C-alpha cells in the first residue's frame, strides 16, 4: 500500500504525528505499537511518551494532522465552485475526491479504522472533517434547487447518497485495486450520479418554475 514518506521535520511533535498517522493507516489503532511509531519516526519510545504519555492521546492529533494536510476539504470545495450543471459538477467532484483518495489511500483507511475502533474519535472526525464536506455539498444542492436546476427535495439525503458512493468506491478500489474499475473513469459512474439525481432533475416538460419554488 502506498503511504506518505516520512520526511525530516525540525519539529519533533510534527515528526511524531506524521509517523503515527502512517502507522495507524497501515494497521489501525489497536494493532499499532508505540515502538513501531518510534521506529518509523526514527525516535526513541521515551521521546514519544514525553509528548504523548498514552497511545490514545496520540491517535486523534495524528489523525487530525493527516486529514488537514491532505487538503480534502479544499479540493472538495474547489470542485463544487466550478461552473456547470449539477450532473457535470457532481461527476467532477467525485473524480477529484476519488483521485485524492487513490493517491493517498491512508485517508480512507484512517476513516474506517477510526469508525470501527474508537467511538469518541469517530464523532470528532465526523464533526471536524466529514461534516463540513456534507454541509458544502448540501449548500450547493440547495442553490441548485433555488435556481431551478433541481427539483425541490431533501439536500441532506442526496448529499449522503453521493458521499456514501464516493467512500464505497474508494474502499472497494483500495481492497481490489484497479481491476475493479479497469477501463472506467476515475470517479463515480454517470449511472450513480444520475441515480442520485433521479426525481430531482428539472424537466420543463413536466414541471414548472412555480412548482420548483413551492
Protein backbone atom coordinates (compact mmCIF):
# COMPACT_ATOMS: atom_id res chain seq x y z
CA UNK A 1 0.00 0.00 0.00
CA UNK A 2 1.27 3.46 -0.83
CA UNK A 3 1.86 5.72 2.15
CA UNK A 4 3.25 9.17 2.59
CA UNK A 5 7.02 9.18 3.01
CA UNK A 6 8.48 10.19 6.35
CA UNK A 7 10.48 13.36 5.91
CA UNK A 8 12.81 15.23 8.23
CA UNK A 9 10.96 17.78 10.36
CA UNK A 10 12.57 20.37 12.63
CA UNK A 11 9.53 19.97 14.91
CA UNK A 12 9.68 16.68 16.85
CA UNK A 13 5.95 16.72 17.60
CA UNK A 14 5.08 17.01 13.92
CA UNK A 15 7.51 14.23 13.09
CA UNK A 16 5.74 12.01 15.63
CA UNK A 17 2.31 12.89 14.24
CA UNK A 18 3.34 12.07 10.69
CA UNK A 19 4.91 8.75 11.69
CA UNK A 20 1.93 7.84 13.86
CA UNK A 21 -0.60 8.67 11.15
CA UNK A 22 1.24 6.44 8.67
CA UNK A 23 1.39 3.59 11.21
CA UNK A 24 -2.27 3.95 12.18
CA UNK A 25 -3.27 3.99 8.50
CA UNK A 26 -1.46 0.70 7.95
CA UNK A 27 -2.69 -1.26 10.98
CA UNK A 28 -5.28 0.76 12.86
CA UNK A 29 -5.16 1.96 16.45
CA UNK A 30 -5.27 -1.34 18.32
CA UNK A 31 -2.61 -3.17 16.29
CA UNK A 32 -0.12 -0.29 16.18
CA UNK A 33 2.54 -0.10 18.89
CA UNK A 34 4.47 2.89 20.17
CA UNK A 35 7.65 1.03 19.24
CA UNK A 36 6.53 0.89 15.60
CA UNK A 37 5.77 4.60 15.63
CA UNK A 38 9.12 5.39 17.22
CA UNK A 39 10.93 3.27 14.62
CA UNK A 40 9.10 4.98 11.75
CA UNK A 41 9.84 8.41 13.21
CA UNK A 42 13.44 7.44 13.96
CA UNK A 43 12.97 8.49 17.57
CA UNK A 44 13.09 6.69 20.90
CA UNK A 45 9.94 5.49 22.65
CA UNK A 46 10.85 7.78 25.55
CA UNK A 47 10.66 10.77 23.20
CA UNK A 48 7.21 9.65 22.01
CA UNK A 49 5.95 9.29 25.59
CA UNK A 50 7.29 12.72 26.54
CA UNK A 51 4.94 14.25 24.00
CA UNK A 52 2.09 11.71 24.32
CA UNK A 53 2.01 9.73 27.61
CA UNK A 54 -0.71 7.37 26.28
CA UNK A 55 -1.21 5.90 22.80
CA UNK A 56 -4.81 7.12 22.65
CA UNK A 57 -3.61 10.66 23.38
CA UNK A 58 -1.57 10.41 20.19
CA UNK A 59 -4.27 8.94 17.96
CA UNK A 60 -6.54 11.92 17.42
CA UNK A 61 -3.74 14.53 16.95
CA UNK A 62 -2.19 12.21 14.35
CA UNK A 63 -5.48 11.66 12.50
CA UNK A 64 -6.34 15.35 12.63
CA UNK A 65 -2.89 16.26 11.28
CA UNK A 66 -3.18 13.73 8.46
CA UNK A 67 -6.62 14.91 7.32
CA UNK A 68 -5.67 18.59 7.50
CA UNK A 69 -2.50 18.04 5.48
CA UNK A 70 -4.48 16.13 2.84
CA UNK A 71 -6.36 19.28 1.74
CA UNK A 72 -9.50 17.16 1.35
CA UNK A 73 -11.88 19.99 2.23
CA UNK A 74 -10.05 22.41 -0.07
CA UNK A 75 -10.24 20.02 -3.04
CA UNK A 76 -13.90 19.30 -2.37
CA UNK A 77 -14.95 22.94 -2.10
CA UNK A 78 -12.87 23.98 -5.10
CA UNK A 79 -14.58 21.34 -7.24
CA UNK A 80 -18.02 22.50 -6.12
CA UNK A 81 -17.27 26.13 -7.00
CA UNK A 82 -16.79 25.43 -10.70
CA UNK A 83 -19.35 26.31 -13.33
CA UNK A 84 -21.51 23.61 -14.85
CA UNK A 85 -24.71 21.65 -14.47
CA UNK A 86 -25.40 19.65 -11.31
CA UNK A 87 -24.57 16.43 -13.16
CA UNK A 88 -21.29 17.79 -14.55
CA UNK A 89 -20.18 19.20 -11.21
CA UNK A 90 -21.06 16.10 -9.21
CA UNK A 91 -19.12 13.94 -11.64
CA UNK A 92 -16.16 16.30 -11.37
CA UNK A 93 -16.32 16.42 -7.58
CA UNK A 94 -16.42 12.64 -7.37
CA UNK A 95 -13.49 12.33 -9.76
CA UNK A 96 -11.38 14.87 -7.88
CA UNK A 97 -12.07 13.28 -4.48
CA UNK A 98 -11.52 9.73 -5.75
CA UNK A 99 -8.23 10.81 -7.33
CA UNK A 100 -7.18 12.30 -3.99
CA UNK A 101 -8.09 9.10 -2.15
CA UNK A 102 -6.39 6.88 -4.70
CA UNK A 103 -3.22 8.91 -4.44
CA UNK A 104 -3.39 8.76 -0.64
CA UNK A 105 -5.26 5.56 0.39
CA UNK A 106 -4.31 6.18 4.01
CA UNK A 107 -7.16 8.67 4.22
CA UNK A 108 -9.79 6.02 3.55
CA UNK A 109 -8.08 3.50 5.83
CA UNK A 110 -7.87 6.01 8.69
CA UNK A 111 -11.53 6.86 8.23
CA UNK A 112 -12.61 3.24 8.54
CA UNK A 113 -10.21 2.37 11.35
CA UNK A 114 -11.45 5.35 13.36
CA UNK A 115 -15.10 4.49 12.79
CA UNK A 116 -14.58 0.85 13.74
CA UNK A 117 -12.22 1.22 16.71
CA UNK A 118 -12.75 4.45 18.63
CA UNK A 119 -16.15 5.89 19.46
CA UNK A 120 -15.12 9.34 20.72
CA UNK A 121 -12.61 9.90 17.92
CA UNK A 122 -15.20 8.75 15.39
CA UNK A 123 -17.56 11.56 16.40
CA UNK A 124 -14.73 14.10 16.44
CA UNK A 125 -13.62 13.03 12.97
CA UNK A 126 -17.16 13.48 11.68
CA UNK A 127 -17.65 16.90 13.25
CA UNK A 128 -14.31 18.36 12.16
CA UNK A 129 -13.54 16.73 8.81
CA UNK A 130 -16.62 14.95 7.38
CA UNK A 131 -19.50 17.23 8.34
CA UNK A 132 -18.01 20.31 6.59
CA UNK A 133 -17.89 18.30 3.34
CA UNK A 134 -21.54 17.33 3.65
CA UNK A 135 -22.55 20.89 4.53
CA UNK A 136 -20.70 22.25 1.49
CA UNK A 137 -22.44 19.71 -0.76
CA UNK A 138 -25.85 20.34 0.80
CA UNK A 139 -25.39 24.09 0.36
CA UNK A 140 -24.67 23.69 -3.35
CA UNK A 141 -27.66 21.38 -3.77
CA UNK A 142 -29.90 23.96 -2.11
CA UNK A 143 -28.60 26.62 -4.51
CA UNK A 144 -29.38 24.36 -7.47
CA UNK A 145 -32.88 23.83 -6.14
CA UNK A 146 -33.38 27.54 -5.56
CA UNK A 147 -32.18 28.34 -9.09
CA UNK A 148 -34.44 25.72 -10.62
CA UNK A 149 -31.68 23.40 -11.78
CA UNK A 150 -33.05 20.67 -9.49
CA UNK A 151 -36.48 19.86 -8.21
CA UNK A 152 -37.11 20.68 -4.59
CA UNK A 153 -36.16 17.81 -2.34
CA UNK A 154 -34.04 16.88 0.63
CA UNK A 155 -30.45 18.11 0.10
CA UNK A 156 -29.07 16.07 3.00
CA UNK A 157 -30.37 12.81 1.52
CA UNK A 158 -28.77 13.48 -1.87
CA UNK A 159 -25.52 14.61 -0.23
CA UNK A 160 -25.31 11.45 1.89
CA UNK A 161 -26.01 9.22 -1.09
CA UNK A 162 -23.23 10.84 -3.12
CA UNK A 163 -20.76 10.87 -0.21
CA UNK A 164 -21.53 7.24 0.55
CA UNK A 165 -20.97 6.34 -3.09
CA UNK A 166 -17.57 8.06 -3.12
CA UNK A 167 -16.42 6.33 0.08
CA UNK A 168 -17.63 2.93 -1.08
CA UNK A 169 -15.96 3.37 -4.45
CA UNK A 170 -12.65 4.32 -2.80
CA UNK A 171 -12.78 1.48 -0.28
CA UNK A 172 -13.59 -1.15 -2.90
CA UNK A 173 -10.80 0.12 -5.10
CA UNK A 174 -8.48 0.08 -2.10
CA UNK A 175 -9.33 -3.57 -1.50
CA UNK A 176 -9.35 -4.88 -5.06
CA UNK A 177 -7.17 -2.42 -6.98
CA UNK A 178 -7.53 -1.12 -10.49
CA UNK A 179 -9.09 -4.36 -11.77
CA UNK A 180 -12.34 -3.21 -10.17
CA UNK A 181 -12.64 -0.21 -12.48
CA UNK A 182 -10.43 -1.25 -15.37
CA UNK A 183 -11.22 0.84 -18.43
CA UNK A 184 -13.56 3.15 -16.50
CA UNK A 185 -13.21 6.74 -15.38
CA UNK A 186 -11.59 7.55 -12.04
CA UNK A 187 -14.69 8.99 -10.42
CA UNK A 188 -18.16 7.64 -9.81
CA UNK A 189 -20.10 6.33 -12.76
CA UNK A 190 -22.56 8.54 -14.58
CA UNK A 191 -25.20 5.94 -13.71
CA UNK A 192 -24.74 6.52 -9.97
CA UNK A 193 -24.84 10.30 -10.34
CA UNK A 194 -27.99 10.02 -12.47
CA UNK A 195 -29.49 7.75 -9.83
CA UNK A 196 -28.69 10.31 -7.11
CA UNK A 197 -30.42 12.98 -9.14
CA UNK A 198 -33.43 10.90 -10.20
CA UNK A 199 -36.56 12.83 -9.41
CA UNK A 200 -34.55 16.00 -8.79
CA UNK A 201 -33.53 16.98 -12.32
CA UNK A 202 -35.62 19.82 -13.70
CA UNK A 203 -37.63 18.83 -16.76
CA UNK A 204 -39.50 21.65 -18.46
CA UNK A 205 -41.91 19.17 -19.96
CA UNK A 206 -43.41 18.04 -16.68
CA UNK A 207 -42.64 20.70 -14.07
CA UNK A 208 -42.91 24.46 -13.89
CA UNK A 209 -40.85 27.06 -12.06
CA UNK A 210 -43.75 27.74 -9.72
CA UNK A 211 -43.71 24.11 -8.63
CA UNK A 212 -39.97 24.28 -8.03
CA UNK A 213 -40.37 27.14 -5.63
CA UNK A 214 -43.46 25.84 -3.87
